[in-house]
Protein backbone atom coordinates (compact mmCIF):
# COMPACT_ATOMS: atom_id res chain seq x y z
CA MET A 1 17.69 12.82 -14.76
CA LYS A 2 17.19 15.78 -17.06
CA PRO A 3 19.72 18.64 -16.80
CA TYR A 4 18.46 21.77 -15.05
CA ALA A 5 18.32 23.80 -18.28
CA ALA A 6 16.13 21.18 -19.98
CA ILE A 7 13.77 21.03 -16.99
CA LEU A 8 13.52 24.83 -16.95
CA ALA A 9 12.78 24.97 -20.69
CA SER A 10 10.08 22.31 -20.36
CA ALA A 11 8.50 24.17 -17.45
CA LEU A 12 8.58 27.45 -19.37
CA ILE A 13 6.73 26.00 -22.37
CA ALA A 14 4.15 24.39 -20.09
CA ALA A 15 3.57 27.66 -18.24
CA LEU A 16 3.10 29.82 -21.33
CA PRO A 17 -0.48 30.79 -22.17
CA LEU A 18 -1.92 29.50 -25.40
CA ALA A 19 -2.61 32.04 -28.15
CA ALA A 20 -4.46 31.98 -31.43
CA GLN A 21 -2.69 30.54 -34.46
CA THR A 22 0.03 32.84 -35.77
CA PRO A 23 -0.98 34.57 -39.03
CA VAL A 24 1.16 33.58 -42.02
CA ASP A 25 2.72 36.34 -44.18
CA PRO A 26 0.71 39.16 -42.53
CA LYS A 27 0.51 42.64 -44.02
CA SER A 28 1.99 45.43 -41.92
CA PRO A 29 -0.72 47.29 -39.99
CA ILE A 30 1.51 50.37 -39.70
CA PRO A 31 2.75 52.48 -42.63
CA GLY A 32 6.47 52.43 -43.29
CA PHE A 33 7.15 48.82 -42.22
CA PRO A 34 7.68 45.79 -44.46
CA ASP A 35 5.18 42.93 -44.36
CA GLY A 36 5.77 39.87 -42.22
CA ARG A 37 7.05 36.54 -43.51
CA GLY A 38 6.01 33.11 -42.36
CA PRO A 39 6.11 31.30 -40.05
CA LYS A 40 6.77 27.94 -41.68
CA GLY A 41 5.63 25.91 -38.67
CA PRO A 42 5.70 26.02 -34.87
CA VAL A 43 8.05 28.86 -33.93
CA SER A 44 10.90 28.24 -31.52
CA ILE A 45 13.68 30.29 -29.96
CA LYS A 46 16.22 28.84 -27.55
CA LEU A 47 18.92 30.58 -25.55
CA ILE A 48 22.05 28.50 -26.11
CA SER A 49 24.24 30.68 -23.92
CA PRO A 50 24.57 31.78 -21.22
CA ALA A 51 23.23 28.73 -19.39
CA ALA A 52 20.64 28.84 -16.61
CA ASP A 53 22.23 29.72 -13.24
CA GLU A 54 25.68 29.89 -14.85
CA VAL A 55 28.30 31.90 -12.96
CA ILE A 56 30.58 33.70 -15.39
CA PRO A 57 33.91 34.56 -13.72
CA MET A 58 35.20 38.10 -13.57
CA PRO A 59 38.47 38.57 -15.46
CA ALA A 60 41.61 39.08 -13.46
CA ALA A 61 43.03 42.60 -13.23
CA GLU A 62 46.01 43.32 -15.45
CA PRO A 63 49.18 44.47 -13.69
CA GLY A 64 49.05 48.16 -12.90
CA LYS A 65 45.41 48.52 -13.96
CA PRO A 66 42.21 48.78 -11.86
CA GLU A 67 39.89 45.85 -11.29
CA PRO A 68 37.64 45.15 -14.30
CA LYS A 69 34.11 46.54 -13.96
CA GLY A 70 32.52 43.60 -15.71
CA ALA A 71 32.95 40.38 -17.65
CA ARG A 72 32.49 39.51 -21.31
CA VAL A 73 29.25 37.62 -21.91
CA GLU A 74 28.25 36.00 -25.20
CA VAL A 75 24.60 35.43 -26.04
CA LYS A 76 23.71 32.78 -28.61
CA VAL A 77 20.25 31.76 -29.77
CA ALA A 78 18.72 29.16 -32.08
CA VAL A 79 15.54 30.00 -34.01
CA GLU A 80 13.34 27.56 -35.91
CA ASN A 81 10.55 28.11 -38.47
CA TYR A 82 10.86 31.90 -38.36
CA GLU A 83 12.74 33.99 -40.91
CA ILE A 84 14.98 36.73 -39.59
CA PHE A 85 15.48 39.45 -42.20
CA LYS A 86 16.17 43.17 -42.58
CA ASP A 87 14.55 45.10 -45.40
CA GLU A 88 17.10 47.28 -47.18
CA ALA A 89 14.60 49.98 -48.11
CA THR A 90 13.22 50.58 -44.61
CA GLY A 91 15.93 49.20 -42.34
CA LYS A 92 13.24 47.16 -40.57
CA GLY A 93 12.52 43.46 -40.48
CA GLN A 94 11.75 40.39 -38.42
CA HIS A 95 14.15 40.08 -35.54
CA VAL A 96 15.01 38.76 -32.10
CA GLN A 97 14.28 41.11 -29.22
CA LEU A 98 16.55 40.85 -26.18
CA VAL A 99 15.61 42.36 -22.82
CA LEU A 100 18.34 42.47 -20.17
CA ASP A 101 17.23 43.28 -16.62
CA GLY A 102 14.13 45.02 -17.93
CA ARG A 103 15.95 47.08 -20.58
CA ALA A 104 15.15 46.41 -24.23
CA LEU A 105 18.18 46.18 -26.52
CA PRO A 106 18.38 47.11 -30.22
CA ASN A 107 16.76 44.73 -32.71
CA TRP A 108 18.97 41.70 -33.36
CA TYR A 109 19.17 40.56 -36.97
CA ALA A 110 22.58 38.86 -37.29
CA ILE A 111 21.72 35.93 -35.02
CA ASP A 112 24.30 33.73 -36.73
CA LYS A 113 26.83 35.72 -34.70
CA ALA A 114 26.91 36.01 -30.91
CA TRP A 115 25.55 39.12 -29.19
CA ILE A 116 28.45 40.41 -27.10
CA PHE A 117 28.26 42.24 -23.79
CA PRO A 118 31.89 43.38 -23.46
CA ALA A 119 31.73 44.17 -19.74
CA LEU A 120 28.56 43.11 -17.97
CA PRO A 121 28.63 44.24 -14.32
CA LYS A 122 29.02 41.83 -11.43
CA GLY A 123 25.83 40.29 -10.05
CA THR A 124 22.68 38.45 -11.12
CA HIS A 125 21.11 39.18 -14.50
CA THR A 126 17.95 38.02 -16.28
CA LEU A 127 17.89 37.87 -20.07
CA LEU A 128 14.69 37.46 -22.09
CA ALA A 129 14.51 36.70 -25.81
CA PHE A 130 11.47 36.67 -28.07
CA LEU A 131 10.58 37.06 -31.74
CA GLN A 132 8.99 40.09 -33.36
CA ARG A 133 7.52 41.22 -36.65
CA PRO A 134 9.05 44.26 -38.41
CA TRP A 135 6.58 46.57 -36.60
CA ASN A 136 7.61 45.00 -33.22
CA GLU A 137 4.52 42.83 -32.67
CA THR A 138 5.44 39.65 -30.79
CA ILE A 139 4.88 36.11 -31.99
CA ARG A 140 2.47 34.79 -29.36
CA GLU A 141 3.45 31.13 -29.39
CA ALA A 142 4.66 28.97 -26.54
CA GLY A 143 8.06 28.38 -28.13
CA ALA A 144 8.63 31.99 -29.21
CA PHE A 145 9.94 33.12 -25.81
CA ALA A 146 13.03 32.17 -23.84
CA ALA A 147 14.45 33.33 -20.52
CA VAL A 148 17.59 32.71 -18.51
CA THR A 149 18.93 34.03 -15.21
CA PHE A 150 22.72 33.92 -14.87
CA HIS A 151 25.41 35.57 -12.78
CA VAL A 152 28.61 37.50 -13.34
CA GLY A 153 31.23 36.94 -10.67
CA GLU A 154 28.73 36.13 -7.94
CA LYS A 155 25.05 35.81 -7.09
CA ASN A 156 23.59 38.89 -5.44
CA GLY A 157 20.17 37.71 -4.34
CA LYS A 158 18.07 39.13 -7.19
CA PRO A 159 15.12 36.89 -8.07
CA ALA A 160 15.50 34.45 -10.94
CA PHE A 161 12.95 34.31 -13.72
CA ASP A 162 10.43 31.61 -12.81
CA PRO A 163 8.31 30.42 -15.78
CA ALA A 164 5.62 29.22 -13.38
CA GLN A 165 5.03 32.74 -12.04
CA PRO A 166 3.03 35.33 -13.99
CA SER A 167 5.22 37.79 -15.86
CA ILE A 168 4.72 40.62 -18.35
CA THR A 169 7.39 41.98 -20.68
CA VAL A 170 7.06 45.11 -22.81
CA ALA A 171 7.54 44.43 -26.51
CA ALA A 172 6.52 47.87 -27.80
CA PRO A 173 6.59 50.84 -27.97
CA ARG A 174 10.13 52.06 -27.50
CA GLY A 175 12.40 54.63 -29.08
CA LYS A 176 11.32 57.53 -31.29
CA PHE A 177 8.41 57.74 -33.71
CA GLU A 178 8.05 60.28 -36.47
CA GLY A 179 6.32 60.72 -39.78
CA GLU A 180 3.89 58.06 -40.91
CA GLN A 181 5.18 55.61 -38.30
CA ALA A 182 3.77 57.89 -35.58
CA THR A 183 0.20 57.70 -36.90
CA LYS A 184 -0.37 54.32 -35.21
CA ILE A 185 1.85 53.32 -32.28
CA LEU A 186 1.82 49.68 -31.23
CA PHE A 187 1.49 48.70 -27.57
CA ASP A 188 2.32 45.03 -27.15
CA VAL A 189 3.51 42.77 -24.34
CA PHE A 190 4.55 39.16 -23.85
CA VAL A 191 2.78 37.34 -21.03
CA THR A 192 3.96 34.13 -19.40
CA GLY A 193 2.80 32.11 -16.42
CA CYS A 194 -0.93 32.86 -16.73
CA THR A 195 -3.69 32.90 -19.32
CA VAL A 196 -5.17 36.31 -20.09
CA GLY A 197 -8.94 36.28 -19.74
CA PRO A 198 -11.94 37.92 -18.06
CA ALA A 199 -12.04 38.50 -14.31
CA THR A 200 -15.01 36.12 -14.12
CA ASP A 201 -12.52 33.30 -14.72
CA PRO A 202 -10.76 32.70 -11.36
CA GLU A 203 -7.74 31.19 -13.10
CA ALA A 204 -7.25 34.02 -15.60
CA CYS A 205 -5.16 37.17 -15.33
CA GLN A 206 -5.82 40.58 -16.87
CA ILE A 207 -3.45 43.14 -18.39
CA ILE A 208 -3.96 46.62 -16.97
CA TYR A 209 -2.06 49.49 -18.51
CA ARG A 210 -1.97 53.27 -18.40
CA LEU A 211 -0.51 55.69 -20.95
CA ASN A 212 0.79 58.84 -19.27
CA GLN A 213 -1.97 60.03 -16.91
CA ASP A 214 -4.83 58.71 -19.03
CA PRO A 215 -7.41 56.43 -17.39
CA GLN A 216 -6.17 52.88 -17.00
CA GLN A 217 -7.32 50.28 -19.51
CA VAL A 218 -8.05 46.59 -19.00
CA LEU A 219 -7.25 43.87 -21.54
CA THR A 220 -8.96 40.51 -21.11
CA GLU A 221 -7.45 39.15 -24.30
CA TRP A 222 -3.77 38.86 -25.14
CA LYS A 223 -3.57 40.98 -28.28
CA PRO A 224 -1.82 44.14 -29.50
CA VAL A 225 -3.30 47.62 -29.05
CA PHE A 226 -2.76 50.60 -31.34
CA TRP A 227 -2.52 54.12 -29.95
CA GLU A 228 -3.54 56.78 -32.45
CA ASN A 229 -3.13 60.56 -32.42
CA VAL A 230 -0.47 60.51 -29.70
CA PRO A 231 0.80 64.10 -29.50
CA PRO A 232 4.47 65.00 -30.02
CA GLY A 233 6.63 64.77 -26.92
CA LYS A 234 7.94 62.22 -24.45
CA HIS A 235 5.52 59.63 -23.10
CA SER A 236 5.51 56.92 -20.45
CA PHE A 237 3.35 53.92 -19.70
CA ILE A 238 2.98 51.24 -17.08
CA ALA A 239 1.54 47.73 -17.37
CA ALA A 240 0.79 45.06 -14.79
CA LEU A 241 -0.95 41.72 -14.38
CA TYR A 242 -4.03 41.53 -12.20
CA LYS A 243 -6.45 38.91 -10.99
CA GLY A 244 -9.73 40.71 -10.57
CA GLU A 245 -9.15 43.76 -8.37
CA LYS A 246 -5.78 42.62 -7.04
CA ARG A 247 -2.42 43.14 -8.68
CA ILE A 248 -0.38 39.96 -8.93
CA GLU A 249 2.64 40.17 -6.64
CA ALA A 250 5.50 38.57 -8.56
CA PRO A 251 9.00 39.80 -9.45
CA PHE A 252 8.24 40.24 -13.17
CA ALA A 253 4.51 41.05 -13.12
CA LEU A 254 4.92 44.85 -13.34
CA THR A 255 6.71 46.80 -16.06
CA GLN A 256 7.02 50.25 -17.55
CA GLY A 257 8.34 51.92 -20.66
CA PHE A 258 9.03 55.20 -22.43
CA PHE A 259 8.90 56.50 -26.00
CA GLU A 260 8.92 59.78 -27.89
CA VAL A 261 6.84 61.17 -30.72
CA VAL A 262 8.81 63.63 -32.82
CA ALA A 263 6.86 66.48 -34.40
CA ALA A 264 6.91 66.60 -38.16
CA PRO A 265 9.04 69.48 -39.47
CA ALA A 266 7.10 72.50 -40.60
CA PRO A 267 6.76 72.75 -44.37
CA ALA A 268 9.25 75.08 -45.98
CA ALA A 269 7.91 78.53 -46.75
CA ALA A 270 7.25 79.22 -50.40
CA PRO A 271 9.93 81.44 -51.98
CA ALA A 272 9.05 85.09 -52.24
CA ALA A 273 7.87 86.21 -55.66
CA ALA A 274 10.41 88.10 -57.69
CA PRO A 275 9.74 91.83 -58.00
CA ALA A 276 7.92 92.82 -61.17
CA ALA A 277 10.06 94.20 -63.94
CA PRO A 278 9.65 97.97 -64.46
CA ALA A 279 7.33 98.92 -67.27
CA THR A 280 8.95 99.97 -70.50
CA PRO A 281 7.97 103.54 -71.39
CA ALA A 282 6.17 103.95 -74.65
CA GLY A 283 8.40 105.32 -77.38
């Protein structure tokens, strides 16, 4: 009999929607980001630790000190056929994106070393991992996404990630945008558990999103969207999976995010002209 983790991984790959072939060595569509590299073949990311449904014990309290608020958790991944790099000039590059309990973490480049949560709170947690280009576009391949639900100290009844159920995860945007990187802002998601398509297909799901209070938009194809001319300030968005007119009711089928556009600094005023020298009287 296969171990539970292997069965879960097999089910996840089977439940992922198929996407078009991944472009090789793509040029960056957004100014200020390095170009993509590869892939060299079918892309794969696997979560080595923590294990599915693992219960990580809480550390014992030291004498005279209060009970620990959390436990140390190490995250390890294995990536195949996809180069992880960080461009020195821009500080950007291809990376692993981790999402813990719906919160995106900083880009992960040093995947040869474990990602450490020094004190993860007690309870059930879901960790997602996927691969991104320097401009945060996801690699839309079946093997380029991994998920695990684990527990610290005890299980608290939160739902586990089920690869057979439709789910949507925000890949971008996040953080602050300024300068040339704010001219085109990427909106991208990772979809599992259903194939994105038109509402005329009874088996397909649709991505519906809304930026701020703008009219909602419908995507019938799993592809990135670029928002242009977004004004300076803080912005929010929401995205969900639908089938026709009905939103899909599943634990991970609705998500939201926030980002900020920083106004470009005003150009410095030109220095005042020096006063003219007094005329020399004729002698």
